[in-house]
Amino acid sequence: DELGDKLTSCEDITNYNNFYEFSTEKEEVASLARNFRTSPWTVKVGGLVSKPGVFDLDDLLRKYPQEERIYRLRCVEGWSMVIPWLGFPLAALLKEVEPTSRAKYVRFESLYDPEQMSGQKTDLLDWPYVEGLRLDEAMHNLTILATGLYGKPLPPQDGAPIRLVVPWKYGFKNIKSIVKMDLVEEMPVSAWMAAAPDEYGFYANVNPDVPHPRWPQSSERRIGELARRKTLPFNGYAEEVAHLYSGMDLRKFF
């Protein structure tokens, strides 16, 4: 259990999905993603690093032991889950490529394949999906690259075969089906920042005191439960991560 919370059922985790590359309807994603090809798969890591490389997913799975991490997931839409991920710290891969002193951020990019991901044929976002983290956020021990859940490989609808999980941030920061990571000096502009700059900013730390323009953030609906519950600052991980934002104005939405 995570803070005494029960795990969300595998059935709910794998059938209630925000993955706009396939559909904006949560209950449709699983069926539309059923035949998504996840092998072979490589992740290209470059930019401001001393040892850029193209990493085969199977090699990464052999090199880095898979750990179970039970994390809360909080969507900005006001719902949440508790998910038993399998994965490894993003820091392990970043240390391998050796970021240079100029590297301040990590820019992530998802697969662009409209033939497999029909949602990319729409103009909802400027595809491919892009996200970013500050380097110290990316190197934090809580930040993982997830490759599975409930002890099995990630299903396509949950971001197979490799996705980002940053448990103190809203769910949209947790980019799925990653194919590219670049270490950069300037703050990346994420897909949602570009699409709706008045609603989405870079940090997206869970903050119950600051409402989103469309969704209040003070409480949430845990999938599988009826009653709402209070949302915790930094999604309950304040003790581990609040120091990263010392001196910042957290009253801002992001």
C-alpha atoms as a PDB file:
ATOM      1  CA  ASP A   1       0.000   0.000   0.000  1.00  0.00           C
ATOM      2  CA  GLU A   2       1.048   3.577  -0.677  1.00  0.00           C
ATOM      3  CA  LEU A   3       0.391   5.730   2.418  1.00  0.00           C
ATOM      4  CA  GLY A   4      -2.126   3.091   3.399  1.00  0.00           C
ATOM      5  CA  ASP A   5      -3.960   3.351   0.091  1.00  0.00           C
ATOM      6  CA  LYS A   6      -4.999   0.230  -1.764  1.00  0.00           C
ATOM      7  CA  LEU A   7      -3.652  -0.428  -5.239  1.00  0.00           C
ATOM      8  CA  THR A   8      -5.920   0.502  -8.110  1.00  0.00           C
ATOM      9  CA  SER A   9      -7.064  -2.659  -9.872  1.00  0.00           C
ATOM     10  CA  CYS A  10      -5.156  -3.779 -12.940  1.00  0.00           C
ATOM     11  CA  GLU A  11      -8.466  -3.752 -14.780  1.00  0.00           C
ATOM     12  CA  ASP A  12      -8.936  -0.034 -14.107  1.00  0.00           C
ATOM     13  CA  ILE A  13      -5.304   0.893 -14.774  1.00  0.00           C
ATOM     14  CA  THR A  14      -5.411  -0.806 -18.158  1.00  0.00           C
ATOM     15  CA  ASN A  15      -8.867   0.347 -19.266  1.00  0.00           C
ATOM     16  CA  TYR A  16      -9.053   3.983 -18.113  1.00  0.00           C
ATOM     17  CA  ASN A  17      -6.296   5.766 -20.001  1.00  0.00           C
ATOM     18  CA  ASN A  18      -5.395   9.235 -21.188  1.00  0.00           C
ATOM     19  CA  PHE A  19      -3.345   8.583 -24.316  1.00  0.00           C
ATOM     20  CA  TYR A  20      -4.430  11.072 -26.952  1.00  0.00           C
ATOM     21  CA  GLU A  21      -2.188   9.508 -29.582  1.00  0.00           C
ATOM     22  CA  PHE A  22      -4.918   6.877 -29.794  1.00  0.00           C
ATOM     23  CA  SER A  23      -8.102   8.603 -28.600  1.00  0.00           C
ATOM     24  CA  THR A  24      -9.435  11.339 -26.346  1.00  0.00           C
ATOM     25  CA  GLU A  25     -11.927   8.793 -24.966  1.00  0.00           C
ATOM     26  CA  LYS A  26     -10.358   6.993 -22.006  1.00  0.00           C
ATOM     27  CA  GLU A  27     -12.363   3.802 -22.454  1.00  0.00           C
ATOM     28  CA  GLU A  28     -11.408   3.490 -26.147  1.00  0.00           C
ATOM     29  CA  VAL A  29      -7.633   3.614 -25.811  1.00  0.00           C
ATOM     30  CA  ALA A  30      -7.068  -0.019 -24.819  1.00  0.00           C
ATOM     31  CA  SER A  31      -8.847  -1.456 -27.847  1.00  0.00           C
ATOM     32  CA  LEU A  32      -7.298   1.028 -30.292  1.00  0.00           C
ATOM     33  CA  ALA A  33      -3.791   0.347 -28.949  1.00  0.00           C
ATOM     34  CA  ARG A  34      -4.134  -3.433 -28.908  1.00  0.00           C
ATOM     35  CA  ASN A  35      -1.905  -4.071 -31.948  1.00  0.00           C
ATOM     36  CA  PHE A  36       0.649  -1.346 -31.216  1.00  0.00           C
ATOM     37  CA  ARG A  37       4.148  -2.648 -32.050  1.00  0.00           C
ATOM     38  CA  THR A  38       6.571  -2.268 -29.139  1.00  0.00           C
ATOM     39  CA  SER A  39       9.432  -4.453 -30.370  1.00  0.00           C
ATOM     40  CA  PRO A  40      12.031  -3.737 -31.579  1.00  0.00           C
ATOM     41  CA  TRP A  41      12.313  -0.420 -29.720  1.00  0.00           C
ATOM     42  CA  THR A  42      15.182   1.994 -29.239  1.00  0.00           C
ATOM     43  CA  VAL A  43      15.638   5.204 -27.254  1.00  0.00           C
ATOM     44  CA  LYS A  44      18.051   7.804 -28.623  1.00  0.00           C
ATOM     45  CA  VAL A  45      19.783   9.896 -25.952  1.00  0.00           C
ATOM     46  CA  GLY A  46      21.821  12.904 -27.050  1.00  0.00           C
ATOM     47  CA  GLY A  47      22.222  16.644 -26.860  1.00  0.00           C
ATOM     48  CA  LEU A  48      24.565  18.058 -24.243  1.00  0.00           C
ATOM     49  CA  VAL A  49      26.134  14.755 -23.213  1.00  0.00           C
ATOM     50  CA  SER A  50      29.634  13.292 -23.515  1.00  0.00           C
ATOM     51  CA  LYS A  51      28.468   9.815 -24.517  1.00  0.00           C
ATOM     52  CA  PRO A  52      25.351   9.968 -26.722  1.00  0.00           C
ATOM     53  CA  GLY A  53      23.851   6.693 -27.784  1.00  0.00           C
ATOM     54  CA  VAL A  54      20.953   4.727 -29.179  1.00  0.00           C
ATOM     55  CA  PHE A  55      19.800   2.243 -26.576  1.00  0.00           C
ATOM     56  CA  ASP A  56      17.909  -0.922 -27.406  1.00  0.00           C
ATOM     57  CA  LEU A  57      15.138  -1.502 -24.884  1.00  0.00           C
ATOM     58  CA  ASP A  58      16.096  -5.136 -24.353  1.00  0.00           C
ATOM     59  CA  ASP A  59      19.643  -4.016 -23.525  1.00  0.00           C
ATOM     60  CA  LEU A  60      18.326  -1.475 -21.015  1.00  0.00           C
ATOM     61  CA  LEU A  61      16.214  -4.137 -19.334  1.00  0.00           C
ATOM     62  CA  ARG A  62      19.262  -6.375 -18.996  1.00  0.00           C
ATOM     63  CA  LYS A  63      21.536  -3.576 -17.787  1.00  0.00           C
ATOM     64  CA  TYR A  64      19.289  -1.962 -15.197  1.00  0.00           C
ATOM     65  CA  PRO A  65      17.480  -4.134 -12.628  1.00  0.00           C
ATOM     66  CA  GLN A  66      13.736  -3.579 -12.692  1.00  0.00           C
ATOM     67  CA  GLU A  67      12.364  -2.324  -9.374  1.00  0.00           C
ATOM     68  CA  GLU A  68       8.764  -2.217  -8.221  1.00  0.00           C
ATOM     69  CA  ARG A  69       7.727   1.320  -7.303  1.00  0.00           C
ATOM     70  CA  ILE A  70       4.226   1.837  -5.923  1.00  0.00           C
ATOM     71  CA  TYR A  71       3.284   5.430  -6.712  1.00  0.00           C
ATOM     72  CA  ARG A  72       0.192   7.569  -6.654  1.00  0.00           C
ATOM     73  CA  LEU A  73      -0.761   9.028 -10.037  1.00  0.00           C
ATOM     74  CA  ARG A  74      -2.756  12.278 -10.020  1.00  0.00           C
ATOM     75  CA  CYS A  75      -4.359  13.540 -13.226  1.00  0.00           C
ATOM     76  CA  VAL A  76      -4.981  17.259 -13.592  1.00  0.00           C
ATOM     77  CA  GLU A  77      -8.570  16.343 -14.482  1.00  0.00           C
ATOM     78  CA  GLY A  78      -9.129  15.437 -10.828  1.00  0.00           C
ATOM     79  CA  TRP A  79      -8.869  11.647 -10.762  1.00  0.00           C
ATOM     80  CA  SER A  80      -6.116   9.477  -9.313  1.00  0.00           C
ATOM     81  CA  MET A  81      -4.767   5.942  -9.086  1.00  0.00           C
ATOM     82  CA  VAL A  82      -2.204   3.946  -7.085  1.00  0.00           C
ATOM     83  CA  ILE A  83      -0.039   1.975  -9.494  1.00  0.00           C
ATOM     84  CA  PRO A  84       2.625  -0.712  -8.907  1.00  0.00           C
ATOM     85  CA  TRP A  85       5.125   0.210 -11.616  1.00  0.00           C
ATOM     86  CA  LEU A  86       8.169  -1.741 -12.720  1.00  0.00           C
ATOM     87  CA  GLY A  87      11.124   0.285 -13.907  1.00  0.00           C
ATOM     88  CA  PHE A  88      14.495   1.810 -13.138  1.00  0.00           C
ATOM     89  CA  PRO A  89      15.716   5.265 -12.109  1.00  0.00           C
ATOM     90  CA  LEU A  90      16.085   7.679 -15.011  1.00  0.00           C
ATOM     91  CA  ALA A  91      19.263   8.870 -13.278  1.00  0.00           C
ATOM     92  CA  ALA A  92      20.970   5.568 -14.121  1.00  0.00           C
ATOM     93  CA  LEU A  93      20.648   6.151 -17.857  1.00  0.00           C
ATOM     94  CA  LEU A  94      21.517   9.844 -17.610  1.00  0.00           C
ATOM     95  CA  LYS A  95      24.687   9.063 -15.687  1.00  0.00           C
ATOM     96  CA  GLU A  96      25.703   6.648 -18.431  1.00  0.00           C
ATOM     97  CA  VAL A  97      25.537   9.344 -21.132  1.00  0.00           C
ATOM     98  CA  GLU A  98      27.352  11.885 -18.907  1.00  0.00           C
ATOM     99  CA  PRO A  99      25.555  15.259 -19.154  1.00  0.00           C
ATOM    100  CA  THR A 100      27.884  18.199 -19.747  1.00  0.00           C
ATOM    101  CA  SER A 101      28.027  21.236 -17.476  1.00  0.00           C
ATOM    102  CA  ARG A 102      25.755  23.130 -19.893  1.00  0.00           C
ATOM    103  CA  ALA A 103      22.923  20.615 -19.581  1.00  0.00           C
ATOM    104  CA  LYS A 104      20.077  22.038 -17.486  1.00  0.00           C
ATOM    105  CA  TYR A 105      16.994  20.189 -18.749  1.00  0.00           C
ATOM    106  CA  VAL A 106      15.907  16.908 -20.321  1.00  0.00           C
ATOM    107  CA  ARG A 107      13.611  17.067 -23.336  1.00  0.00           C
ATOM    108  CA  PHE A 108      11.561  13.903 -23.993  1.00  0.00           C
ATOM    109  CA  GLU A 109       9.846  12.921 -27.220  1.00  0.00           C
ATOM    110  CA  SER A 110       7.259  10.217 -27.919  1.00  0.00           C
ATOM    111  CA  LEU A 111       6.955   8.039 -30.989  1.00  0.00           C
ATOM    112  CA  TYR A 112       5.392   9.696 -34.028  1.00  0.00           C
ATOM    113  CA  ASP A 113       3.581   7.064 -36.078  1.00  0.00           C
ATOM    114  CA  PRO A 114       0.124   8.164 -37.273  1.00  0.00           C
ATOM    115  CA  GLU A 115      -0.480   4.826 -38.977  1.00  0.00           C
ATOM    116  CA  GLN A 116      -0.336   3.070 -35.618  1.00  0.00           C
ATOM    117  CA  MET A 117      -1.504   6.001 -33.501  1.00  0.00           C
ATOM    118  CA  SER A 118      -4.555   7.350 -35.280  1.00  0.00           C
ATOM    119  CA  GLY A 119      -4.970  10.191 -32.807  1.00  0.00           C
ATOM    120  CA  GLN A 120      -1.859  11.755 -34.321  1.00  0.00           C
ATOM    121  CA  LYS A 121      -3.863  12.358 -37.492  1.00  0.00           C
ATOM    122  CA  THR A 122      -5.752  15.062 -35.580  1.00  0.00           C
ATOM    123  CA  ASP A 123      -4.518  18.575 -34.856  1.00  0.00           C
ATOM    124  CA  LEU A 124      -5.298  18.353 -31.139  1.00  0.00           C
ATOM    125  CA  LEU A 125      -1.572  18.748 -30.381  1.00  0.00           C
ATOM    126  CA  ASP A 126       1.535  19.501 -32.392  1.00  0.00           C
ATOM    127  CA  TRP A 127       2.780  15.919 -32.625  1.00  0.00           C
ATOM    128  CA  PRO A 128       4.940  14.198 -31.517  1.00  0.00           C
ATOM    129  CA  TYR A 129       4.225  14.626 -27.814  1.00  0.00           C
ATOM    130  CA  VAL A 130       7.052  16.481 -26.056  1.00  0.00           C
ATOM    131  CA  GLU A 131       7.743  16.918 -22.348  1.00  0.00           C
ATOM    132  CA  GLY A 132      10.599  18.132 -20.187  1.00  0.00           C
ATOM    133  CA  LEU A 133      12.144  18.077 -16.736  1.00  0.00           C
ATOM    134  CA  ARG A 134      14.762  20.139 -15.031  1.00  0.00           C
ATOM    135  CA  LEU A 135      17.921  18.051 -14.740  1.00  0.00           C
ATOM    136  CA  ASP A 136      17.720  17.827 -10.947  1.00  0.00           C
ATOM    137  CA  GLU A 137      14.114  16.600 -11.223  1.00  0.00           C
ATOM    138  CA  ALA A 138      15.163  14.001 -13.778  1.00  0.00           C
ATOM    139  CA  MET A 139      18.033  12.815 -11.551  1.00  0.00           C
ATOM    140  CA  HIS A 140      15.829  12.505  -8.455  1.00  0.00           C
ATOM    141  CA  ASN A 141      15.524   8.971  -7.117  1.00  0.00           C
ATOM    142  CA  LEU A 142      11.716   9.000  -7.348  1.00  0.00           C
ATOM    143  CA  THR A 143      11.838   9.644 -11.118  1.00  0.00           C
ATOM    144  CA  ILE A 144      11.765   6.406 -13.077  1.00  0.00           C
ATOM    145  CA  LEU A 145      11.485   5.047 -16.567  1.00  0.00           C
ATOM    146  CA  ALA A 146       8.666   2.541 -16.227  1.00  0.00           C
ATOM    147  CA  THR A 147       8.623  -0.602 -18.338  1.00  0.00           C
ATOM    148  CA  GLY A 148       5.881  -2.564 -16.597  1.00  0.00           C
ATOM    149  CA  LEU A 149       3.089  -2.664 -14.049  1.00  0.00           C
ATOM    150  CA  TYR A 150       1.649  -5.357 -11.824  1.00  0.00           C
ATOM    151  CA  GLY A 151       4.767  -7.431 -12.511  1.00  0.00           C
ATOM    152  CA  LYS A 152       4.238  -7.597 -16.277  1.00  0.00           C
ATOM    153  CA  PRO A 153       5.449  -5.523 -19.275  1.00  0.00           C
ATOM    154  CA  LEU A 154       3.577  -2.281 -19.849  1.00  0.00           C
ATOM    155  CA  PRO A 155       0.428  -2.666 -21.939  1.00  0.00           C
ATOM    156  CA  PRO A 156       0.312  -0.403 -25.013  1.00  0.00           C
ATOM    157  CA  GLN A 157      -2.474   1.734 -23.542  1.00  0.00           C
ATOM    158  CA  ASP A 158      -0.305   2.569 -20.505  1.00  0.00           C
ATOM    159  CA  GLY A 159       2.654   3.861 -22.493  1.00  0.00           C
ATOM    160  CA  ALA A 160       4.480   0.755 -23.683  1.00  0.00           C
ATOM    161  CA  PRO A 161       7.192  -0.105 -23.894  1.00  0.00           C
ATOM    162  CA  ILE A 162       8.853   2.655 -21.840  1.00  0.00           C
ATOM    163  CA  ARG A 163       7.454   5.792 -20.231  1.00  0.00           C
ATOM    164  CA  LEU A 164       8.353   8.456 -17.714  1.00  0.00           C
ATOM    165  CA  VAL A 165       6.897   8.397 -14.183  1.00  0.00           C
ATOM    166  CA  VAL A 166       7.366  11.459 -11.959  1.00  0.00           C
ATOM    167  CA  PRO A 167       4.938  10.870  -9.078  1.00  0.00           C
ATOM    168  CA  TRP A 168       4.824  14.396  -7.638  1.00  0.00           C
ATOM    169  CA  LYS A 169       3.710  15.939 -10.933  1.00  0.00           C
ATOM    170  CA  TYR A 170       0.392  15.855 -12.764  1.00  0.00           C
ATOM    171  CA  GLY A 171      -0.047  12.856 -15.027  1.00  0.00           C
ATOM    172  CA  PHE A 172       0.413  14.620 -18.355  1.00  0.00           C
ATOM    173  CA  LYS A 173       4.098  15.165 -17.488  1.00  0.00           C
ATOM    174  CA  ASN A 174       4.568  11.376 -17.528  1.00  0.00           C
ATOM    175  CA  ILE A 175       5.269  11.060 -21.253  1.00  0.00           C
ATOM    176  CA  LYS A 176       4.561   7.671 -22.845  1.00  0.00           C
ATOM    177  CA  SER A 177       6.233   5.543 -25.545  1.00  0.00           C
ATOM    178  CA  ILE A 178       9.525   7.457 -25.399  1.00  0.00           C
ATOM    179  CA  VAL A 179      11.883   7.264 -28.381  1.00  0.00           C
ATOM    180  CA  LYS A 180      14.162  10.240 -27.750  1.00  0.00           C
ATOM    181  CA  MET A 181      15.741  12.195 -24.900  1.00  0.00           C
ATOM    182  CA  ASP A 182      17.952  15.237 -25.344  1.00  0.00           C
ATOM    183  CA  LEU A 183      19.892  17.101 -22.688  1.00  0.00           C
ATOM    184  CA  VAL A 184      19.445  20.807 -23.381  1.00  0.00           C
ATOM    185  CA  GLU A 185      20.343  24.177 -21.913  1.00  0.00           C
ATOM    186  CA  GLU A 186      17.000  25.960 -22.383  1.00  0.00           C
ATOM    187  CA  MET A 187      13.664  24.961 -20.849  1.00  0.00           C
ATOM    188  CA  PRO A 188      11.772  22.741 -23.317  1.00  0.00           C
ATOM    189  CA  VAL A 189       8.298  23.746 -24.484  1.00  0.00           C
ATOM    190  CA  SER A 190       6.047  20.758 -23.864  1.00  0.00           C
ATOM    191  CA  ALA A 191       3.176  19.746 -26.119  1.00  0.00           C
ATOM    192  CA  TRP A 192       0.541  21.079 -23.701  1.00  0.00           C
ATOM    193  CA  MET A 193       2.457  24.293 -23.048  1.00  0.00           C
ATOM    194  CA  ALA A 194       2.417  24.951 -26.788  1.00  0.00           C
ATOM    195  CA  ALA A 195      -1.253  24.005 -27.173  1.00  0.00           C
ATOM    196  CA  ALA A 196      -2.685  25.832 -24.143  1.00  0.00           C
ATOM    197  CA  PRO A 197      -0.114  28.164 -22.537  1.00  0.00           C
ATOM    198  CA  ASP A 198      -2.765  29.761 -20.308  1.00  0.00           C
ATOM    199  CA  GLU A 199      -3.519  26.378 -18.710  1.00  0.00           C
ATOM    200  CA  TYR A 200      -0.249  24.443 -18.764  1.00  0.00           C
ATOM    201  CA  GLY A 201       3.216  25.399 -17.684  1.00  0.00           C
ATOM    202  CA  PHE A 202       6.498  23.614 -17.271  1.00  0.00           C
ATOM    203  CA  TYR A 203       6.552  22.453 -13.648  1.00  0.00           C
ATOM    204  CA  ALA A 204       3.079  20.947 -13.143  1.00  0.00           C
ATOM    205  CA  ASN A 205       3.706  19.981  -9.527  1.00  0.00           C
ATOM    206  CA  VAL A 206       0.535  18.695  -7.846  1.00  0.00           C
ATOM    207  CA  ASN A 207      -0.771  21.649  -5.846  1.00  0.00           C
ATOM    208  CA  PRO A 208      -4.184  21.429  -4.134  1.00  0.00           C
ATOM    209  CA  ASP A 209      -4.157  25.163  -3.373  1.00  0.00           C
ATOM    210  CA  VAL A 210      -4.057  26.327  -6.986  1.00  0.00           C
ATOM    211  CA  PRO A 211      -7.013  25.480  -9.240  1.00  0.00           C
ATOM    212  CA  HIS A 212      -6.644  24.703 -12.903  1.00  0.00           C
ATOM    213  CA  PRO A 213      -8.846  26.943 -15.080  1.00  0.00           C
ATOM    214  CA  ARG A 214     -11.131  23.969 -15.768  1.00  0.00           C
ATOM    215  CA  TRP A 215     -10.668  21.580 -12.830  1.00  0.00           C
ATOM    216  CA  PRO A 216     -10.415  22.289  -9.083  1.00  0.00           C
ATOM    217  CA  GLN A 217      -7.360  20.646  -7.563  1.00  0.00           C
ATOM    218  CA  SER A 218      -8.184  20.567  -3.821  1.00  0.00           C
ATOM    219  CA  SER A 219      -9.717  17.075  -4.007  1.00  0.00           C
ATOM    220  CA  GLU A 220      -9.654  14.061  -6.277  1.00  0.00           C
ATOM    221  CA  ARG A 221     -11.627  10.967  -7.208  1.00  0.00           C
ATOM    222  CA  ARG A 222      -9.631   7.779  -6.705  1.00  0.00           C
ATOM    223  CA  ILE A 223     -10.602   5.388  -9.467  1.00  0.00           C
ATOM    224  CA  GLY A 224     -12.510   2.488  -7.908  1.00  0.00           C
ATOM    225  CA  GLU A 225     -13.826   4.596  -5.005  1.00  0.00           C
ATOM    226  CA  LEU A 226     -16.975   6.684  -4.632  1.00  0.00           C
ATOM    227  CA  ALA A 227     -15.973   9.363  -2.125  1.00  0.00           C
ATOM    228  CA  ARG A 228     -13.560  12.128  -3.039  1.00  0.00           C
ATOM    229  CA  ARG A 229     -10.384  12.634  -1.024  1.00  0.00           C
ATOM    230  CA  LYS A 230      -8.159  15.614  -0.341  1.00  0.00           C
ATOM    231  CA  THR A 231      -5.269  16.112  -2.717  1.00  0.00           C
ATOM    232  CA  LEU A 232      -1.848  16.254  -1.051  1.00  0.00           C
ATOM    233  CA  PRO A 233       0.831  18.844  -1.899  1.00  0.00           C
ATOM    234  CA  PHE A 234       3.296  17.345  -4.353  1.00  0.00           C
ATOM    235  CA  ASN A 235       0.889  14.364  -4.442  1.00  0.00           C
ATOM    236  CA  GLY A 236       2.149  13.303  -1.009  1.00  0.00           C
ATOM    237  CA  TYR A 237       5.856  13.412  -1.864  1.00  0.00           C
ATOM    238  CA  ALA A 238       6.632  16.843  -0.404  1.00  0.00           C
ATOM    239  CA  GLU A 239       9.143  15.512   2.096  1.00  0.00           C
ATOM    240  CA  GLU A 240      11.263  14.126  -0.719  1.00  0.00           C
ATOM    241  CA  VAL A 241      10.932  16.858  -3.346  1.00  0.00           C
ATOM    242  CA  ALA A 242       9.780  20.205  -1.898  1.00  0.00           C
ATOM    243  CA  HIS A 243      13.402  21.331  -1.464  1.00  0.00           C
ATOM    244  CA  LEU A 244      13.813  21.293  -5.261  1.00  0.00           C
ATOM    245  CA  TYR A 245      11.546  24.347  -5.457  1.00  0.00           C
ATOM    246  CA  SER A 246      12.844  26.391  -2.523  1.00  0.00           C
ATOM    247  CA  GLY A 247      12.161  30.068  -3.105  1.00  0.00           C
ATOM    248  CA  MET A 248       9.779  29.504  -6.032  1.00  0.00           C
ATOM    249  CA  ASP A 249       6.248  30.891  -6.047  1.00  0.00           C
ATOM    250  CA  LEU A 250       4.191  27.726  -5.828  1.00  0.00           C
ATOM    251  CA  ARG A 251       0.918  29.679  -5.817  1.00  0.00           C
ATOM    252  CA  LYS A 252       1.213  29.731  -9.576  1.00  0.00           C
ATOM    253  CA  PHE A 253      -0.522  26.814 -11.240  1.00  0.00           C
ATOM    254  CA  PHE A 254       2.760  25.552 -12.627  1.00  0.00           C
END
